[in-house]
Amino acid sequence: MKYLIALAVLASATASVSESAVQAMQADETPMFRSIRAMGGSNRNYFVTDIFWGDYTNNLQYKNRFASWVNANYGSMGGQYASYCWYGDDENAAYEKRDRVVHEKRSSGNNVILTNWGA
């Protein structure tokens, strides 16, 4: 009986380690994109990244890196900006979502600038 309990505990521990390893691996494999826009003035620029694969829980890191990149490549956004991050279940879903966002922003009068930035 002790042998069976030990095997059950070992199997359970192995399964949870395997699930954790798989979840950690999948966390870096989420297709997503970021966008950023200035918050004031006449600047209607709305910057959108390409789809990149990463860990969605690192939103702040991606936000800061993309904002720094936009400021370096397009000039200062004036200090205040809004940044957004979306993801899809797969690459095609992420592109479809990005295309909808781009269309919505262009329809509302924003100057959408598609970038090839990726994390």
C-alpha atoms as a PDB file:
ATOM      1  CA  MET A   1       0.000   0.000   0.000  1.00  0.00           C
ATOM      2  CA  LYS A   2       2.802   2.439   0.880  1.00  0.00           C
ATOM      3  CA  TYR A   3       4.397   1.625  -2.481  1.00  0.00           C
ATOM      4  CA  LEU A   4       1.190   2.548  -4.361  1.00  0.00           C
ATOM      5  CA  ILE A   5       0.812   5.816  -2.428  1.00  0.00           C
ATOM      6  CA  ALA A   6       4.437   6.716  -3.155  1.00  0.00           C
ATOM      7  CA  LEU A   7       3.913   6.018  -6.865  1.00  0.00           C
ATOM      8  CA  ALA A   8       0.761   8.145  -6.891  1.00  0.00           C
ATOM      9  CA  VAL A   9       2.561  11.056  -5.190  1.00  0.00           C
ATOM     10  CA  LEU A  10       5.497  10.742  -7.592  1.00  0.00           C
ATOM     11  CA  ALA A  11       3.192  10.652 -10.615  1.00  0.00           C
ATOM     12  CA  SER A  12       1.286  13.689  -9.347  1.00  0.00           C
ATOM     13  CA  ALA A  13       4.503  15.674  -8.749  1.00  0.00           C
ATOM     14  CA  THR A  14       5.827  14.736 -12.197  1.00  0.00           C
ATOM     15  CA  ALA A  15       2.563  15.795 -13.858  1.00  0.00           C
ATOM     16  CA  SER A  16       2.525  19.196 -12.135  1.00  0.00           C
ATOM     17  CA  VAL A  17       6.175  19.857 -13.032  1.00  0.00           C
ATOM     18  CA  SER A  18       5.428  18.962 -16.637  1.00  0.00           C
ATOM     19  CA  GLU A  19       2.372  21.239 -16.713  1.00  0.00           C
ATOM     20  CA  SER A  20       4.380  24.104 -15.198  1.00  0.00           C
ATOM     21  CA  ALA A  21       7.135  23.623 -17.760  1.00  0.00           C
ATOM     22  CA  VAL A  22       4.604  23.616 -20.590  1.00  0.00           C
ATOM     23  CA  GLN A  23       2.877  26.749 -19.238  1.00  0.00           C
ATOM     24  CA  ALA A  24       6.210  28.549 -18.910  1.00  0.00           C
ATOM     25  CA  MET A  25       7.126  27.610 -22.457  1.00  0.00           C
ATOM     26  CA  GLN A  26       3.724  28.698 -23.793  1.00  0.00           C
ATOM     27  CA  ALA A  27       3.915  32.026 -21.978  1.00  0.00           C
ATOM     28  CA  ASP A  28       6.663  33.107 -24.367  1.00  0.00           C
ATOM     29  CA  GLU A  29       4.652  31.988 -27.359  1.00  0.00           C
ATOM     30  CA  THR A  30       1.644  34.308 -27.347  1.00  0.00           C
ATOM     31  CA  PRO A  31       1.115  36.190 -30.624  1.00  0.00           C
ATOM     32  CA  MET A  32       0.433  39.829 -29.749  1.00  0.00           C
ATOM     33  CA  PHE A  33       0.809  43.420 -30.888  1.00  0.00           C
ATOM     34  CA  ARG A  34       1.126  46.794 -29.193  1.00  0.00           C
ATOM     35  CA  SER A  35      -0.118  50.220 -30.094  1.00  0.00           C
ATOM     36  CA  ILE A  36       0.618  53.645 -28.718  1.00  0.00           C
ATOM     37  CA  ARG A  37      -0.828  57.118 -29.260  1.00  0.00           C
ATOM     38  CA  ALA A  38      -0.173  60.611 -27.987  1.00  0.00           C
ATOM     39  CA  MET A  39      -2.612  61.845 -25.363  1.00  0.00           C
ATOM     40  CA  GLY A  40      -2.854  65.519 -26.159  1.00  0.00           C
ATOM     41  CA  GLY A  41      -2.449  68.283 -28.650  1.00  0.00           C
ATOM     42  CA  SER A  42      -2.916  67.969 -32.373  1.00  0.00           C
ATOM     43  CA  ASN A  43      -0.791  64.820 -32.629  1.00  0.00           C
ATOM     44  CA  ARG A  44      -3.132  62.148 -34.020  1.00  0.00           C
ATOM     45  CA  ASN A  45      -0.392  59.590 -34.673  1.00  0.00           C
ATOM     46  CA  TYR A  46      -1.245  56.051 -33.638  1.00  0.00           C
ATOM     47  CA  PHE A  47       1.686  53.614 -33.841  1.00  0.00           C
ATOM     48  CA  VAL A  48       1.107  49.871 -34.200  1.00  0.00           C
ATOM     49  CA  THR A  49       3.665  47.069 -33.987  1.00  0.00           C
ATOM     50  CA  ASP A  50       3.892  44.001 -36.122  1.00  0.00           C
ATOM     51  CA  ILE A  51       2.765  40.736 -34.532  1.00  0.00           C
ATOM     52  CA  PHE A  52       5.421  39.379 -32.216  1.00  0.00           C
ATOM     53  CA  TRP A  53       5.596  36.369 -29.936  1.00  0.00           C
ATOM     54  CA  GLY A  54       6.140  36.921 -26.255  1.00  0.00           C
ATOM     55  CA  ASP A  55       4.906  36.623 -22.709  1.00  0.00           C
ATOM     56  CA  TYR A  56       1.692  38.623 -22.278  1.00  0.00           C
ATOM     57  CA  THR A  57       2.455  39.136 -18.581  1.00  0.00           C
ATOM     58  CA  ASN A  58       5.433  41.334 -19.611  1.00  0.00           C
ATOM     59  CA  ASN A  59       3.118  44.123 -20.835  1.00  0.00           C
ATOM     60  CA  LEU A  60       4.935  46.884 -18.978  1.00  0.00           C
ATOM     61  CA  GLN A  61       8.291  45.847 -20.414  1.00  0.00           C
ATOM     62  CA  TYR A  62       6.922  45.798 -23.972  1.00  0.00           C
ATOM     63  CA  LYS A  63       5.125  49.122 -23.398  1.00  0.00           C
ATOM     64  CA  ASN A  64       8.286  50.860 -22.223  1.00  0.00           C
ATOM     65  CA  ARG A  65      10.465  49.399 -24.976  1.00  0.00           C
ATOM     66  CA  PHE A  66       7.997  50.306 -27.722  1.00  0.00           C
ATOM     67  CA  ALA A  67       7.478  53.839 -26.332  1.00  0.00           C
ATOM     68  CA  SER A  68      11.250  54.386 -26.239  1.00  0.00           C
ATOM     69  CA  TRP A  69      11.542  53.090 -29.789  1.00  0.00           C
ATOM     70  CA  VAL A  70       8.748  55.368 -31.073  1.00  0.00           C
ATOM     71  CA  ASN A  71      10.296  58.391 -29.328  1.00  0.00           C
ATOM     72  CA  ALA A  72      13.717  57.580 -30.797  1.00  0.00           C
ATOM     73  CA  ASN A  73      12.462  56.950 -34.337  1.00  0.00           C
ATOM     74  CA  TYR A  74       9.576  59.397 -34.703  1.00  0.00           C
ATOM     75  CA  GLY A  75      10.318  62.121 -32.174  1.00  0.00           C
ATOM     76  CA  SER A  76       8.877  62.718 -28.752  1.00  0.00           C
ATOM     77  CA  MET A  77       5.218  61.998 -28.211  1.00  0.00           C
ATOM     78  CA  GLY A  78       5.070  64.809 -25.670  1.00  0.00           C
ATOM     79  CA  GLY A  79       5.438  62.723 -22.548  1.00  0.00           C
ATOM     80  CA  GLN A  80       1.856  61.512 -22.161  1.00  0.00           C
ATOM     81  CA  TYR A  81       0.679  58.610 -24.227  1.00  0.00           C
ATOM     82  CA  ALA A  82      -1.686  55.673 -24.075  1.00  0.00           C
ATOM     83  CA  SER A  83      -0.355  52.229 -24.806  1.00  0.00           C
ATOM     84  CA  TYR A  84      -2.385  49.103 -25.494  1.00  0.00           C
ATOM     85  CA  CYS A  85      -1.569  45.431 -25.922  1.00  0.00           C
ATOM     86  CA  TRP A  86      -3.704  42.788 -27.599  1.00  0.00           C
ATOM     87  CA  TYR A  87      -3.146  39.125 -28.318  1.00  0.00           C
ATOM     88  CA  GLY A  88      -4.721  36.374 -30.356  1.00  0.00           C
ATOM     89  CA  ASP A  89      -5.124  32.656 -29.846  1.00  0.00           C
ATOM     90  CA  ASP A  90      -2.905  32.144 -32.867  1.00  0.00           C
ATOM     91  CA  GLU A  91      -0.986  34.286 -35.343  1.00  0.00           C
ATOM     92  CA  ASN A  92      -3.909  34.647 -37.764  1.00  0.00           C
ATOM     93  CA  ALA A  93      -6.259  35.767 -34.977  1.00  0.00           C
ATOM     94  CA  ALA A  94      -3.689  38.326 -33.809  1.00  0.00           C
ATOM     95  CA  TYR A  95      -3.356  39.748 -37.355  1.00  0.00           C
ATOM     96  CA  GLU A  96      -7.145  39.894 -37.741  1.00  0.00           C
ATOM     97  CA  LYS A  97      -7.459  41.774 -34.442  1.00  0.00           C
ATOM     98  CA  ARG A  98      -4.642  44.149 -35.430  1.00  0.00           C
ATOM     99  CA  ASP A  99      -6.318  44.850 -38.781  1.00  0.00           C
ATOM    100  CA  ARG A 100      -9.612  45.672 -37.005  1.00  0.00           C
ATOM    101  CA  VAL A 101      -7.841  48.060 -34.612  1.00  0.00           C
ATOM    102  CA  VAL A 102      -6.036  49.765 -37.507  1.00  0.00           C
ATOM    103  CA  HIS A 103      -9.303  50.178 -39.416  1.00  0.00           C
ATOM    104  CA  GLU A 104     -11.111  51.570 -36.349  1.00  0.00           C
ATOM    105  CA  LYS A 105      -8.343  54.066 -35.608  1.00  0.00           C
ATOM    106  CA  ARG A 106      -8.119  55.245 -39.219  1.00  0.00           C
ATOM    107  CA  SER A 107     -11.908  55.598 -39.350  1.00  0.00           C
ATOM    108  CA  SER A 108     -11.808  57.848 -36.278  1.00  0.00           C
ATOM    109  CA  GLY A 109      -9.276  60.187 -37.901  1.00  0.00           C
ATOM    110  CA  ASN A 110      -6.002  58.893 -36.508  1.00  0.00           C
ATOM    111  CA  ASN A 111      -2.844  58.766 -38.606  1.00  0.00           C
ATOM    112  CA  VAL A 112      -2.011  55.066 -38.198  1.00  0.00           C
ATOM    113  CA  ILE A 113       1.666  54.250 -38.609  1.00  0.00           C
ATOM    114  CA  LEU A 114       2.374  50.551 -39.011  1.00  0.00           C
ATOM    115  CA  THR A 115       5.811  49.672 -37.717  1.00  0.00           C
ATOM    116  CA  ASN A 116       7.807  46.489 -37.957  1.00  0.00           C
ATOM    117  CA  TRP A 117       8.773  46.732 -34.278  1.00  0.00           C
ATOM    118  CA  GLY A 118       8.805  43.443 -32.470  1.00  0.00           C
ATOM    119  CA  ALA A 119       9.930  42.574 -28.982  1.00  0.00           C
END
